[in-house]
């Protein structure tokens, strides 16, 4: 698995040089909250502030997509990912797709 410290939203990694570009990699997940979870979230919205039940759902979805992206990069022989991004879209009411993507690269320490 790729070391998370070698994943960056930048197009380069400080102290490393890209020796091979292995192409775009991605991880995707689609999630929804249960009916009970939606009810709990609805109750939380009545009081305002942080809606923890949805924060937890979003964090799990991002983490799952991130781990899949790392696995996809490792399968290609990468040891780093640059230009990493997240995207999210509502597939249908209450169902959200989360995508993590970036460029898989092989890097070497400079110097």
C-alpha atoms as a PDB file:
ATOM      1  CA  UNK A   1       0.000   0.000   0.000  1.00  0.00           C
ATOM      2  CA  UNK A   2       1.142   3.556  -0.666  1.00  0.00           C
ATOM      3  CA  UNK A   3       2.401   5.651   2.238  1.00  0.00           C
ATOM      4  CA  UNK A   4      -0.239   8.371   2.808  1.00  0.00           C
ATOM      5  CA  UNK A   5       2.557  10.937   3.224  1.00  0.00           C
ATOM      6  CA  UNK A   6       3.302  10.415  -0.496  1.00  0.00           C
ATOM      7  CA  UNK A   7      -0.179  11.537  -1.559  1.00  0.00           C
ATOM      8  CA  UNK A   8      -0.540  15.191  -2.383  1.00  0.00           C
ATOM      9  CA  UNK A   9      -2.975  17.649  -3.910  1.00  0.00           C
ATOM     10  CA  UNK A  10       0.075  19.347  -5.433  1.00  0.00           C
ATOM     11  CA  UNK A  11       1.477  18.347  -8.809  1.00  0.00           C
ATOM     12  CA  UNK A  12       4.795  17.457  -7.191  1.00  0.00           C
ATOM     13  CA  UNK A  13       6.180  16.151  -3.909  1.00  0.00           C
ATOM     14  CA  UNK A  14       8.829  18.191  -2.115  1.00  0.00           C
ATOM     15  CA  UNK A  15      12.082  16.255  -1.953  1.00  0.00           C
ATOM     16  CA  UNK A  16      11.044  13.745  -4.630  1.00  0.00           C
ATOM     17  CA  UNK A  17      11.223  13.594  -8.402  1.00  0.00           C
ATOM     18  CA  UNK A  18       8.654  11.837 -10.580  1.00  0.00           C
ATOM     19  CA  UNK A  19      10.397   9.129 -12.612  1.00  0.00           C
ATOM     20  CA  UNK A  20       7.285   7.577 -14.148  1.00  0.00           C
ATOM     21  CA  UNK A  21       3.676   8.654 -14.661  1.00  0.00           C
ATOM     22  CA  UNK A  22       1.340   5.669 -14.326  1.00  0.00           C
ATOM     23  CA  UNK A  23      -1.919   7.430 -15.156  1.00  0.00           C
ATOM     24  CA  UNK A  24      -5.127   8.365 -13.412  1.00  0.00           C
ATOM     25  CA  UNK A  25      -6.279   6.241 -10.483  1.00  0.00           C
ATOM     26  CA  UNK A  26      -9.566   6.408  -8.637  1.00  0.00           C
ATOM     27  CA  UNK A  27     -11.635   5.039  -5.831  1.00  0.00           C
ATOM     28  CA  UNK A  28     -15.402   5.320  -5.746  1.00  0.00           C
ATOM     29  CA  UNK A  29     -18.107   4.569  -3.223  1.00  0.00           C
ATOM     30  CA  UNK A  30     -21.843   5.189  -3.133  1.00  0.00           C
ATOM     31  CA  UNK A  31     -23.477   5.659   0.249  1.00  0.00           C
ATOM     32  CA  UNK A  32     -26.827   6.407   1.799  1.00  0.00           C
ATOM     33  CA  UNK A  33     -28.054   6.873   5.332  1.00  0.00           C
ATOM     34  CA  UNK A  34     -30.636   4.463   6.734  1.00  0.00           C
ATOM     35  CA  UNK A  35     -34.179   5.625   7.401  1.00  0.00           C
ATOM     36  CA  UNK A  36     -33.388   5.776  11.133  1.00  0.00           C
ATOM     37  CA  UNK A  37     -30.189   7.688  10.394  1.00  0.00           C
ATOM     38  CA  UNK A  38     -32.115  10.189   8.288  1.00  0.00           C
ATOM     39  CA  UNK A  39     -34.620  10.643  11.106  1.00  0.00           C
ATOM     40  CA  UNK A  40     -31.795  11.265  13.592  1.00  0.00           C
ATOM     41  CA  UNK A  41     -30.179  13.713  11.163  1.00  0.00           C
ATOM     42  CA  UNK A  42     -33.504  15.480  10.724  1.00  0.00           C
ATOM     43  CA  UNK A  43     -33.837  15.864  14.478  1.00  0.00           C
ATOM     44  CA  UNK A  44     -30.306  17.267  14.704  1.00  0.00           C
ATOM     45  CA  UNK A  45     -31.149  19.895  12.063  1.00  0.00           C
ATOM     46  CA  UNK A  46     -33.909  21.225  14.316  1.00  0.00           C
ATOM     47  CA  UNK A  47     -31.278  22.320  16.821  1.00  0.00           C
ATOM     48  CA  UNK A  48     -28.782  23.660  14.279  1.00  0.00           C
ATOM     49  CA  UNK A  49     -25.033  23.324  14.369  1.00  0.00           C
ATOM     50  CA  UNK A  50     -22.940  20.309  13.448  1.00  0.00           C
ATOM     51  CA  UNK A  51     -24.980  17.346  12.186  1.00  0.00           C
ATOM     52  CA  UNK A  52     -22.701  14.597  13.458  1.00  0.00           C
ATOM     53  CA  UNK A  53     -24.565  11.661  11.912  1.00  0.00           C
ATOM     54  CA  UNK A  54     -23.973  13.073   8.408  1.00  0.00           C
ATOM     55  CA  UNK A  55     -20.388  14.108   9.177  1.00  0.00           C
ATOM     56  CA  UNK A  56     -19.630  10.488  10.128  1.00  0.00           C
ATOM     57  CA  UNK A  57     -21.281   9.201   6.937  1.00  0.00           C
ATOM     58  CA  UNK A  58     -19.278  11.605   4.770  1.00  0.00           C
ATOM     59  CA  UNK A  59     -16.009  10.769   6.539  1.00  0.00           C
ATOM     60  CA  UNK A  60     -16.555   7.026   6.049  1.00  0.00           C
ATOM     61  CA  UNK A  61     -17.375   7.545   2.368  1.00  0.00           C
ATOM     62  CA  UNK A  62     -14.264   9.690   1.786  1.00  0.00           C
ATOM     63  CA  UNK A  63     -12.044   7.230   3.639  1.00  0.00           C
ATOM     64  CA  UNK A  64     -13.394   4.281   1.645  1.00  0.00           C
ATOM     65  CA  UNK A  65     -12.875   6.080  -1.691  1.00  0.00           C
ATOM     66  CA  UNK A  66      -9.382   7.188  -0.583  1.00  0.00           C
ATOM     67  CA  UNK A  67      -8.349   3.633   0.357  1.00  0.00           C
ATOM     68  CA  UNK A  68      -9.646   2.272  -2.957  1.00  0.00           C
ATOM     69  CA  UNK A  69      -7.654   4.936  -4.829  1.00  0.00           C
ATOM     70  CA  UNK A  70      -4.507   3.952  -2.912  1.00  0.00           C
ATOM     71  CA  UNK A  71      -5.088   0.284  -3.751  1.00  0.00           C
ATOM     72  CA  UNK A  72      -5.651   1.096  -7.440  1.00  0.00           C
ATOM     73  CA  UNK A  73      -2.352   3.049  -7.510  1.00  0.00           C
ATOM     74  CA  UNK A  74      -0.443   0.251  -5.768  1.00  0.00           C
ATOM     75  CA  UNK A  75      -1.801  -2.257  -8.303  1.00  0.00           C
ATOM     76  CA  UNK A  76      -0.276  -0.089 -11.040  1.00  0.00           C
ATOM     77  CA  UNK A  77       3.094  -0.122  -9.302  1.00  0.00           C
ATOM     78  CA  UNK A  78       2.949   3.437  -7.982  1.00  0.00           C
ATOM     79  CA  UNK A  79       4.545   4.576  -4.746  1.00  0.00           C
ATOM     80  CA  UNK A  80       2.890   8.019  -4.735  1.00  0.00           C
ATOM     81  CA  UNK A  81      -0.163   9.937  -5.952  1.00  0.00           C
ATOM     82  CA  UNK A  82      -0.110  13.560  -7.044  1.00  0.00           C
ATOM     83  CA  UNK A  83      -2.880  16.026  -7.967  1.00  0.00           C
ATOM     84  CA  UNK A  84      -5.283  14.111  -5.688  1.00  0.00           C
ATOM     85  CA  UNK A  85      -8.876  15.371  -5.515  1.00  0.00           C
ATOM     86  CA  UNK A  86     -12.299  14.432  -4.166  1.00  0.00           C
ATOM     87  CA  UNK A  87     -15.600  14.809  -5.963  1.00  0.00           C
ATOM     88  CA  UNK A  88     -19.115  14.052  -4.750  1.00  0.00           C
ATOM     89  CA  UNK A  89     -22.424  13.873  -6.569  1.00  0.00           C
ATOM     90  CA  UNK A  90     -25.932  13.027  -5.518  1.00  0.00           C
ATOM     91  CA  UNK A  91     -26.962   9.952  -7.532  1.00  0.00           C
ATOM     92  CA  UNK A  92     -30.537  10.147  -6.297  1.00  0.00           C
ATOM     93  CA  UNK A  93     -32.251  11.691  -3.299  1.00  0.00           C
ATOM     94  CA  UNK A  94     -30.291  10.567  -0.238  1.00  0.00           C
ATOM     95  CA  UNK A  95     -27.693   8.584  -2.211  1.00  0.00           C
ATOM     96  CA  UNK A  96     -24.265  10.131  -2.731  1.00  0.00           C
ATOM     97  CA  UNK A  97     -21.286   9.049  -4.807  1.00  0.00           C
ATOM     98  CA  UNK A  98     -17.825   9.989  -3.530  1.00  0.00           C
ATOM     99  CA  UNK A  99     -14.853   9.793  -5.871  1.00  0.00           C
ATOM    100  CA  UNK A 100     -11.181  10.127  -4.899  1.00  0.00           C
ATOM    101  CA  UNK A 101      -8.815  10.463  -7.844  1.00  0.00           C
ATOM    102  CA  UNK A 102      -5.310  11.520  -8.744  1.00  0.00           C
ATOM    103  CA  UNK A 103      -2.267  10.689 -10.824  1.00  0.00           C
ATOM    104  CA  UNK A 104      -0.335   7.555  -9.850  1.00  0.00           C
ATOM    105  CA  UNK A 105       3.403   8.090 -10.103  1.00  0.00           C
ATOM    106  CA  UNK A 106       6.670   6.414  -9.286  1.00  0.00           C
ATOM    107  CA  UNK A 107       8.918   8.801  -7.350  1.00  0.00           C
ATOM    108  CA  UNK A 108      12.504   8.736  -6.103  1.00  0.00           C
ATOM    109  CA  UNK A 109      14.005  10.796  -3.327  1.00  0.00           C
ATOM    110  CA  UNK A 110      16.032  13.706  -4.695  1.00  0.00           C
ATOM    111  CA  UNK A 111      19.689  14.119  -3.959  1.00  0.00           C
END
